[in-house]
Each structure stands twice: as structure tokens, then as C-alpha cells.
Amino acid sequence: MKNTVKLLALAAAMTVASAASAQQEQGTWLGTLGVNKITPKVESGDVSAPALPGTKTDVESDTKPRFTIGYMLRDNISVELDLGLPYKHDLLGAGAIQGTGKLATAEVLPPTAFIQYRFLPANATFRPYVGLGVTYAMFQKERGSGQLTAVLNTGGPGSTFKLDDKWAASFQIGATYKINEKWFLDASVIKTKLKTTAHYSTGQVQDVRLDPLAVNFSVGYAFKGF
């Protein structure tokens, strides 16, 4: 009888220890802070006439801080909101105007909401996950250079432009690594299917598929309630 009691007590202690180590169980909040590099994979349309045929645009990458807040709806299902500072991208001449240098700069703020599925048990040290999300890309502070004016409006007043804000689908693959009961590391890759249109002050337009790829690395903290 005493041995049975001891075994039951040991089993209970192991259960409690297991529950205590379930860092990502249902009801847990997950906060992360890290860095994110966004690299557009550009497919540029031509600037409409009377621009030189084949006048295209390329977009350079940018890296900024990224922070997220997530919540475990179930042991394997979570939601996450990705936030951060605006990314500033240089727009370069491409196609028929390849080599003309920087045409403009533009900032984009792309908050994204994900629903995620996390593999393995809630107390696993290494936990991969996948996510499906929606992004709202908000473009701001679009500024043209003298090169843009030379391409679109030679001899005329400075050219300006505006990019359309757009909704887009995002796809995520990532993993977490538990450091201890509260802290963890997080890394993910996010692909967003994003297309926008540039409207120039000269009356010309240009469709550009950006389809950015984001690679990020963060430190995270898990907690119950606020």
C-alpha cells in the first residue's frame, strides 16, 4: 500500500512538472522582439506611355525591428499579430532604364495577422509551426529623385508618385526553441503575395508585383494573462 501511494505521488509530481514546462499551452500569451529583413521579389510592369518602352522598377531590401504578440487558443493553435516600424525601400531603375540609379524611396508599414498550427506537444523544447495570414501594406512618404524626373518629365517640374495601399495573403514557416520556462527563441520565414500600382504626377501608372520574402529572428517571452 505504501509503495502504491509513493508511486501515485511520484506520478502526480511528474504531471505537475510536465504542466509547468508546457510553455506554449492553451491560454499562454507569447511576446517576441527581434529583427526582420524584407526582400521584395519584384516583377515590374512598364510605366505607361509616353515613357520609354520597357521602363521598369526594382526595389531594394530593408531591415527593421519587429515585435509580435500571440495567444495560444489551443495547445497546437495560436494567433499572432506582427508589428514593427515602417520599412524604407530604395526604388531603382530597371529594364530599359537599368543603371539610372535610385529613382525614389518609399516606406511601407505591413501589419500582419496570422493563425498558426504548432507541431509537437506544448512542452517540447523545439517546436516548428506554420501560419496563414493577411497583411495590409500601407505605403507612405513616397519621394521621387531628380532621376525620376529625368526619366518621366525631362525639363519639367519634379515628378512625384503614390503607391496604392493593398491587402495581401502571407504564408509563414517557423520554429521556436525553449530556453527555460519563460524565455524562447523564434525564427520564421514569411512570403507575402503583394501587388500594387504606382500613380505618377505625370499621369502615368505602373503595376508592380512585390511579393516580398521576410526572414526574422527574435527572442520571446511566454506568460499567462496580463
C-alpha atoms as a PDB file:
ATOM      1  CA  MET A   1       0.000   0.000   0.000  1.00  0.00           C
ATOM      2  CA  LYS A   2       2.804   2.399   0.907  1.00  0.00           C
ATOM      3  CA  ASN A   3       4.553   1.627  -2.384  1.00  0.00           C
ATOM      4  CA  THR A   4       1.325   2.334  -4.272  1.00  0.00           C
ATOM      5  CA  VAL A   5       0.958   5.686  -2.527  1.00  0.00           C
ATOM      6  CA  LYS A   6       4.574   6.546  -3.345  1.00  0.00           C
ATOM      7  CA  LEU A   7       4.048   5.662  -6.994  1.00  0.00           C
ATOM      8  CA  LEU A   8       0.902   7.775  -7.169  1.00  0.00           C
ATOM      9  CA  ALA A   9       2.709  10.700  -5.536  1.00  0.00           C
ATOM     10  CA  LEU A  10       5.591  10.356  -7.997  1.00  0.00           C
ATOM     11  CA  ALA A  11       3.183  10.256 -10.935  1.00  0.00           C
ATOM     12  CA  ALA A  12       1.422  13.366  -9.647  1.00  0.00           C
ATOM     13  CA  ALA A  13       4.721  15.198  -9.232  1.00  0.00           C
ATOM     14  CA  MET A  14       5.752  14.279 -12.771  1.00  0.00           C
ATOM     15  CA  THR A  15       2.392  15.513 -14.090  1.00  0.00           C
ATOM     16  CA  VAL A  16       2.808  18.848 -12.298  1.00  0.00           C
ATOM     17  CA  ALA A  17       6.360  19.212 -13.601  1.00  0.00           C
ATOM     18  CA  SER A  18       5.195  18.429 -17.125  1.00  0.00           C
ATOM     19  CA  ALA A  19       2.404  21.004 -16.887  1.00  0.00           C
ATOM     20  CA  ALA A  20       4.781  23.618 -15.538  1.00  0.00           C
ATOM     21  CA  SER A  21       7.090  23.134 -18.513  1.00  0.00           C
ATOM     22  CA  ALA A  22       4.286  23.483 -21.077  1.00  0.00           C
ATOM     23  CA  GLN A  23       5.436  26.886 -22.238  1.00  0.00           C
ATOM     24  CA  GLN A  24       3.026  27.113 -25.174  1.00  0.00           C
ATOM     25  CA  GLU A  25      -0.114  25.503 -23.809  1.00  0.00           C
ATOM     26  CA  GLN A  26      -3.647  26.831 -24.237  1.00  0.00           C
ATOM     27  CA  GLY A  27      -4.150  30.235 -22.598  1.00  0.00           C
ATOM     28  CA  THR A  28      -0.496  31.331 -22.891  1.00  0.00           C
ATOM     29  CA  TRP A  29       0.496  34.732 -24.295  1.00  0.00           C
ATOM     30  CA  LEU A  30       3.668  34.917 -26.419  1.00  0.00           C
ATOM     31  CA  GLY A  31       5.572  38.160 -26.982  1.00  0.00           C
ATOM     32  CA  THR A  32       8.663  38.493 -29.185  1.00  0.00           C
ATOM     33  CA  LEU A  33      11.144  41.212 -30.137  1.00  0.00           C
ATOM     34  CA  GLY A  34      13.720  40.857 -32.885  1.00  0.00           C
ATOM     35  CA  VAL A  35      14.830  41.894 -36.364  1.00  0.00           C
ATOM     36  CA  ASN A  36      13.220  41.310 -39.736  1.00  0.00           C
ATOM     37  CA  LYS A  37      14.703  41.656 -43.230  1.00  0.00           C
ATOM     38  CA  ILE A  38      12.249  42.203 -46.084  1.00  0.00           C
ATOM     39  CA  THR A  39      13.472  41.489 -49.618  1.00  0.00           C
ATOM     40  CA  PRO A  40      10.997  42.218 -52.425  1.00  0.00           C
ATOM     41  CA  LYS A  41      10.981  39.687 -55.296  1.00  0.00           C
ATOM     42  CA  VAL A  42       9.972  42.216 -57.932  1.00  0.00           C
ATOM     43  CA  GLU A  43       8.136  41.610 -61.193  1.00  0.00           C
ATOM     44  CA  SER A  44       7.740  45.090 -62.625  1.00  0.00           C
ATOM     45  CA  GLY A  45       5.340  46.206 -65.287  1.00  0.00           C
ATOM     46  CA  ASP A  46       6.213  49.041 -67.661  1.00  0.00           C
ATOM     47  CA  VAL A  47       5.471  52.690 -66.918  1.00  0.00           C
ATOM     48  CA  SER A  48       2.633  53.637 -69.244  1.00  0.00           C
ATOM     49  CA  ALA A  49       3.211  55.848 -72.309  1.00  0.00           C
ATOM     50  CA  PRO A  50       4.782  58.192 -73.119  1.00  0.00           C
ATOM     51  CA  ALA A  51       7.623  56.636 -71.075  1.00  0.00           C
ATOM     52  CA  LEU A  52      10.325  54.728 -72.939  1.00  0.00           C
ATOM     53  CA  PRO A  53       9.050  51.163 -73.582  1.00  0.00           C
ATOM     54  CA  GLY A  54      10.449  48.751 -71.021  1.00  0.00           C
ATOM     55  CA  THR A  55      10.758  51.377 -68.244  1.00  0.00           C
ATOM     56  CA  LYS A  56      10.651  49.189 -65.128  1.00  0.00           C
ATOM     57  CA  THR A  57      11.409  49.395 -61.405  1.00  0.00           C
ATOM     58  CA  ASP A  58      13.394  47.298 -58.934  1.00  0.00           C
ATOM     59  CA  VAL A  59      13.130  47.561 -55.128  1.00  0.00           C
ATOM     60  CA  GLU A  60      15.918  47.013 -52.594  1.00  0.00           C
ATOM     61  CA  SER A  61      15.610  45.249 -49.229  1.00  0.00           C
ATOM     62  CA  ASP A  62      15.440  46.781 -45.742  1.00  0.00           C
ATOM     63  CA  THR A  63      15.867  45.526 -42.163  1.00  0.00           C
ATOM     64  CA  LYS A  64      13.958  46.827 -39.157  1.00  0.00           C
ATOM     65  CA  PRO A  65      12.960  45.796 -35.595  1.00  0.00           C
ATOM     66  CA  ARG A  66       9.915  43.513 -35.389  1.00  0.00           C
ATOM     67  CA  PHE A  67       7.694  42.672 -32.456  1.00  0.00           C
ATOM     68  CA  THR A  68       4.767  40.287 -32.170  1.00  0.00           C
ATOM     69  CA  ILE A  69       2.074  39.360 -29.689  1.00  0.00           C
ATOM     70  CA  GLY A  70       0.499  35.915 -29.847  1.00  0.00           C
ATOM     71  CA  TYR A  71      -2.045  33.858 -27.934  1.00  0.00           C
ATOM     72  CA  MET A  72      -2.445  30.075 -27.683  1.00  0.00           C
ATOM     73  CA  LEU A  73      -6.102  29.283 -28.478  1.00  0.00           C
ATOM     74  CA  ARG A  74      -5.334  25.576 -28.073  1.00  0.00           C
ATOM     75  CA  ASP A  75      -2.155  23.659 -27.314  1.00  0.00           C
ATOM     76  CA  ASN A  76      -1.487  23.484 -31.077  1.00  0.00           C
ATOM     77  CA  ILE A  77      -3.360  26.504 -32.453  1.00  0.00           C
ATOM     78  CA  SER A  78      -2.321  30.124 -31.957  1.00  0.00           C
ATOM     79  CA  VAL A  79      -2.965  33.591 -33.334  1.00  0.00           C
ATOM     80  CA  GLU A  80      -0.262  36.213 -33.826  1.00  0.00           C
ATOM     81  CA  LEU A  81      -0.112  39.899 -34.704  1.00  0.00           C
ATOM     82  CA  ASP A  82       3.134  41.100 -36.316  1.00  0.00           C
ATOM     83  CA  LEU A  83       4.011  44.770 -35.896  1.00  0.00           C
ATOM     84  CA  GLY A  84       7.049  46.983 -36.281  1.00  0.00           C
ATOM     85  CA  LEU A  85       8.472  50.180 -37.720  1.00  0.00           C
ATOM     86  CA  PRO A  86       7.963  51.265 -41.353  1.00  0.00           C
ATOM     87  CA  TYR A  87      10.412  49.728 -43.826  1.00  0.00           C
ATOM     88  CA  LYS A  88      12.165  52.187 -46.155  1.00  0.00           C
ATOM     89  CA  HIS A  89      12.966  50.887 -49.629  1.00  0.00           C
ATOM     90  CA  ASP A  90      15.005  52.384 -52.454  1.00  0.00           C
ATOM     91  CA  LEU A  91      13.377  52.143 -55.892  1.00  0.00           C
ATOM     92  CA  LEU A  92      15.869  51.661 -58.734  1.00  0.00           C
ATOM     93  CA  GLY A  93      15.647  51.901 -62.490  1.00  0.00           C
ATOM     94  CA  ALA A  94      15.338  48.556 -64.305  1.00  0.00           C
ATOM     95  CA  GLY A  95      14.593  47.228 -67.778  1.00  0.00           C
ATOM     96  CA  ALA A  96      15.200  49.897 -70.419  1.00  0.00           C
ATOM     97  CA  ILE A  97      16.484  52.309 -67.738  1.00  0.00           C
ATOM     98  CA  GLN A  98      18.757  49.823 -65.949  1.00  0.00           C
ATOM     99  CA  GLY A  99      21.726  51.658 -64.420  1.00  0.00           C
ATOM    100  CA  THR A 100      19.992  55.001 -63.923  1.00  0.00           C
ATOM    101  CA  GLY A 101      20.345  54.556 -60.150  1.00  0.00           C
ATOM    102  CA  LYS A 102      17.891  55.458 -57.416  1.00  0.00           C
ATOM    103  CA  LEU A 103      14.632  56.823 -58.752  1.00  0.00           C
ATOM    104  CA  ALA A 104      12.776  57.187 -55.457  1.00  0.00           C
ATOM    105  CA  THR A 105      12.234  55.967 -51.908  1.00  0.00           C
ATOM    106  CA  ALA A 106       9.067  54.751 -50.228  1.00  0.00           C
ATOM    107  CA  GLU A 107       8.104  53.474 -46.794  1.00  0.00           C
ATOM    108  CA  VAL A 108       5.702  50.634 -46.093  1.00  0.00           C
ATOM    109  CA  LEU A 109       4.112  49.538 -42.823  1.00  0.00           C
ATOM    110  CA  PRO A 110       2.818  45.959 -43.196  1.00  0.00           C
ATOM    111  CA  PRO A 111       0.951  44.775 -40.044  1.00  0.00           C
ATOM    112  CA  THR A 112       0.060  41.103 -40.409  1.00  0.00           C
ATOM    113  CA  ALA A 113      -2.315  38.803 -38.516  1.00  0.00           C
ATOM    114  CA  PHE A 114      -1.640  35.040 -38.550  1.00  0.00           C
ATOM    115  CA  ILE A 115      -3.417  31.906 -37.461  1.00  0.00           C
ATOM    116  CA  GLN A 116      -0.804  29.235 -36.762  1.00  0.00           C
ATOM    117  CA  TYR A 117      -0.567  25.497 -36.240  1.00  0.00           C
ATOM    118  CA  ARG A 118       2.233  24.402 -33.896  1.00  0.00           C
ATOM    119  CA  PHE A 119       3.578  20.866 -34.162  1.00  0.00           C
ATOM    120  CA  LEU A 120       4.704  18.629 -31.267  1.00  0.00           C
ATOM    121  CA  PRO A 121       3.490  18.812 -27.632  1.00  0.00           C
ATOM    122  CA  ALA A 122       3.169  22.112 -25.785  1.00  0.00           C
ATOM    123  CA  ASN A 123       6.181  21.278 -23.580  1.00  0.00           C
ATOM    124  CA  ALA A 124       8.513  20.381 -26.493  1.00  0.00           C
ATOM    125  CA  THR A 125      11.850  22.196 -26.491  1.00  0.00           C
ATOM    126  CA  PHE A 126      11.854  22.618 -30.283  1.00  0.00           C
ATOM    127  CA  ARG A 127       8.505  23.413 -31.863  1.00  0.00           C
ATOM    128  CA  PRO A 128       8.020  24.078 -35.600  1.00  0.00           C
ATOM    129  CA  TYR A 129       4.917  25.852 -36.853  1.00  0.00           C
ATOM    130  CA  VAL A 130       3.178  27.078 -39.984  1.00  0.00           C
ATOM    131  CA  GLY A 131       0.964  30.136 -40.370  1.00  0.00           C
ATOM    132  CA  LEU A 132      -1.567  31.603 -42.763  1.00  0.00           C
ATOM    133  CA  GLY A 133      -2.139  35.336 -42.527  1.00  0.00           C
ATOM    134  CA  VAL A 134      -3.416  38.557 -44.006  1.00  0.00           C
ATOM    135  CA  THR A 135      -1.245  41.657 -44.484  1.00  0.00           C
ATOM    136  CA  TYR A 136      -2.306  45.250 -45.014  1.00  0.00           C
ATOM    137  CA  ALA A 137       0.527  47.086 -46.766  1.00  0.00           C
ATOM    138  CA  MET A 138       0.334  50.829 -46.067  1.00  0.00           C
ATOM    139  CA  PHE A 139       2.660  52.895 -48.262  1.00  0.00           C
ATOM    140  CA  GLN A 140       3.809  56.338 -47.155  1.00  0.00           C
ATOM    141  CA  LYS A 141       6.454  59.045 -47.667  1.00  0.00           C
ATOM    142  CA  GLU A 142       6.954  58.278 -51.359  1.00  0.00           C
ATOM    143  CA  ARG A 143       9.666  60.622 -52.593  1.00  0.00           C
ATOM    144  CA  GLY A 144      10.966  60.905 -56.152  1.00  0.00           C
ATOM    145  CA  SER A 145      14.535  61.890 -57.053  1.00  0.00           C
ATOM    146  CA  GLY A 146      15.939  64.014 -59.850  1.00  0.00           C
ATOM    147  CA  GLN A 147      16.486  60.766 -61.736  1.00  0.00           C
ATOM    148  CA  LEU A 148      12.748  60.038 -61.653  1.00  0.00           C
ATOM    149  CA  THR A 149      12.007  63.467 -63.114  1.00  0.00           C
ATOM    150  CA  ALA A 150      14.659  62.942 -65.797  1.00  0.00           C
ATOM    151  CA  VAL A 151      13.009  59.654 -66.798  1.00  0.00           C
ATOM    152  CA  LEU A 152       9.358  60.756 -66.707  1.00  0.00           C
ATOM    153  CA  ASN A 153       9.316  64.516 -67.174  1.00  0.00           C
ATOM    154  CA  THR A 154      12.608  65.744 -68.643  1.00  0.00           C
ATOM    155  CA  GLY A 155      12.881  69.510 -68.331  1.00  0.00           C
ATOM    156  CA  GLY A 156       9.631  69.742 -66.382  1.00  0.00           C
ATOM    157  CA  PRO A 157       8.742  70.101 -62.704  1.00  0.00           C
ATOM    158  CA  GLY A 158       9.768  67.400 -60.229  1.00  0.00           C
ATOM    159  CA  SER A 159       7.880  64.135 -60.578  1.00  0.00           C
ATOM    160  CA  THR A 160       6.023  62.663 -57.603  1.00  0.00           C
ATOM    161  CA  PHE A 161       4.109  59.430 -57.152  1.00  0.00           C
ATOM    162  CA  LYS A 162       1.775  57.482 -54.858  1.00  0.00           C
ATOM    163  CA  LEU A 163       1.562  53.724 -54.244  1.00  0.00           C
ATOM    164  CA  ASP A 164      -1.790  52.073 -53.582  1.00  0.00           C
ATOM    165  CA  ASP A 165      -2.313  50.501 -50.150  1.00  0.00           C
ATOM    166  CA  LYS A 166      -3.190  46.811 -50.561  1.00  0.00           C
ATOM    167  CA  TRP A 167      -4.415  43.710 -48.714  1.00  0.00           C
ATOM    168  CA  ALA A 168      -2.328  40.574 -49.333  1.00  0.00           C
ATOM    169  CA  ALA A 169      -2.050  36.937 -48.257  1.00  0.00           C
ATOM    170  CA  SER A 170       1.002  35.849 -46.234  1.00  0.00           C
ATOM    171  CA  PHE A 171       2.410  32.367 -45.614  1.00  0.00           C
ATOM    172  CA  GLN A 172       4.712  31.551 -42.685  1.00  0.00           C
ATOM    173  CA  ILE A 173       7.087  28.732 -41.725  1.00  0.00           C
ATOM    174  CA  GLY A 174       8.919  28.975 -38.405  1.00  0.00           C
ATOM    175  CA  ALA A 175      10.057  27.341 -35.195  1.00  0.00           C
ATOM    176  CA  THR A 176      10.606  28.145 -31.528  1.00  0.00           C
ATOM    177  CA  TYR A 177      13.318  26.869 -29.196  1.00  0.00           C
ATOM    178  CA  LYS A 178      12.608  26.908 -25.460  1.00  0.00           C
ATOM    179  CA  ILE A 179      15.429  28.344 -23.332  1.00  0.00           C
ATOM    180  CA  ASN A 180      13.605  27.932 -19.987  1.00  0.00           C
ATOM    181  CA  GLU A 181      10.039  28.084 -18.646  1.00  0.00           C
ATOM    182  CA  LYS A 182       9.559  31.700 -19.785  1.00  0.00           C
ATOM    183  CA  TRP A 183      12.071  32.561 -22.496  1.00  0.00           C
ATOM    184  CA  PHE A 184      12.390  31.165 -26.012  1.00  0.00           C
ATOM    185  CA  LEU A 185      13.947  31.868 -29.406  1.00  0.00           C
ATOM    186  CA  ASP A 186      11.811  32.282 -32.506  1.00  0.00           C
ATOM    187  CA  ALA A 187      12.686  32.349 -36.214  1.00  0.00           C
ATOM    188  CA  SER A 188      10.441  32.362 -39.255  1.00  0.00           C
ATOM    189  CA  VAL A 189      10.256  32.988 -42.983  1.00  0.00           C
ATOM    190  CA  ILE A 190       7.223  34.824 -44.375  1.00  0.00           C
ATOM    191  CA  LYS A 191       6.203  35.056 -48.021  1.00  0.00           C
ATOM    192  CA  THR A 192       3.622  37.708 -48.961  1.00  0.00           C
ATOM    193  CA  LYS A 193       1.820  37.845 -52.309  1.00  0.00           C
ATOM    194  CA  LEU A 194       1.612  41.604 -52.867  1.00  0.00           C
ATOM    195  CA  LYS A 195       0.869  43.661 -55.963  1.00  0.00           C
ATOM    196  CA  THR A 196       0.445  47.443 -56.072  1.00  0.00           C
ATOM    197  CA  THR A 197       0.149  50.285 -58.572  1.00  0.00           C
ATOM    198  CA  ALA A 198       2.228  53.457 -58.760  1.00  0.00           C
ATOM    199  CA  HIS A 199       0.434  56.634 -59.852  1.00  0.00           C
ATOM    200  CA  TYR A 200       2.813  59.328 -61.142  1.00  0.00           C
ATOM    201  CA  SER A 201       2.186  63.074 -61.161  1.00  0.00           C
ATOM    202  CA  THR A 202       2.712  62.980 -64.935  1.00  0.00           C
ATOM    203  CA  GLY A 203      -0.458  60.922 -65.290  1.00  0.00           C
ATOM    204  CA  GLN A 204       1.379  57.664 -65.950  1.00  0.00           C
ATOM    205  CA  VAL A 205       0.814  54.449 -64.000  1.00  0.00           C
ATOM    206  CA  GLN A 206       2.834  51.304 -63.340  1.00  0.00           C
ATOM    207  CA  ASP A 207       1.818  47.935 -61.899  1.00  0.00           C
ATOM    208  CA  VAL A 208       4.464  46.274 -59.709  1.00  0.00           C
ATOM    209  CA  ARG A 209       4.329  42.836 -58.113  1.00  0.00           C
ATOM    210  CA  LEU A 210       6.496  42.992 -54.976  1.00  0.00           C
ATOM    211  CA  ASP A 211       5.964  39.522 -53.400  1.00  0.00           C
ATOM    212  CA  PRO A 212       8.395  40.219 -50.509  1.00  0.00           C
ATOM    213  CA  LEU A 213      10.223  37.487 -48.606  1.00  0.00           C
ATOM    214  CA  ALA A 214      10.780  38.270 -44.899  1.00  0.00           C
ATOM    215  CA  VAL A 215      13.350  36.481 -42.710  1.00  0.00           C
ATOM    216  CA  ASN A 216      13.284  37.216 -38.985  1.00  0.00           C
ATOM    217  CA  PHE A 217      14.881  36.180 -35.699  1.00  0.00           C
ATOM    218  CA  SER A 218      13.503  37.092 -32.272  1.00  0.00           C
ATOM    219  CA  VAL A 219      13.705  36.489 -28.530  1.00  0.00           C
ATOM    220  CA  GLY A 220      10.368  35.643 -26.958  1.00  0.00           C
ATOM    221  CA  TYR A 221       8.693  35.607 -23.544  1.00  0.00           C
ATOM    222  CA  ALA A 222       5.755  33.380 -22.550  1.00  0.00           C
ATOM    223  CA  PHE A 223       3.274  34.373 -19.841  1.00  0.00           C
ATOM    224  CA  LYS A 224      -0.239  33.723 -18.569  1.00  0.00           C
ATOM    225  CA  GLY A 225      -2.560  36.726 -18.536  1.00  0.00           C
ATOM    226  CA  PHE A 226      -1.680  40.410 -18.170  1.00  0.00           C
END
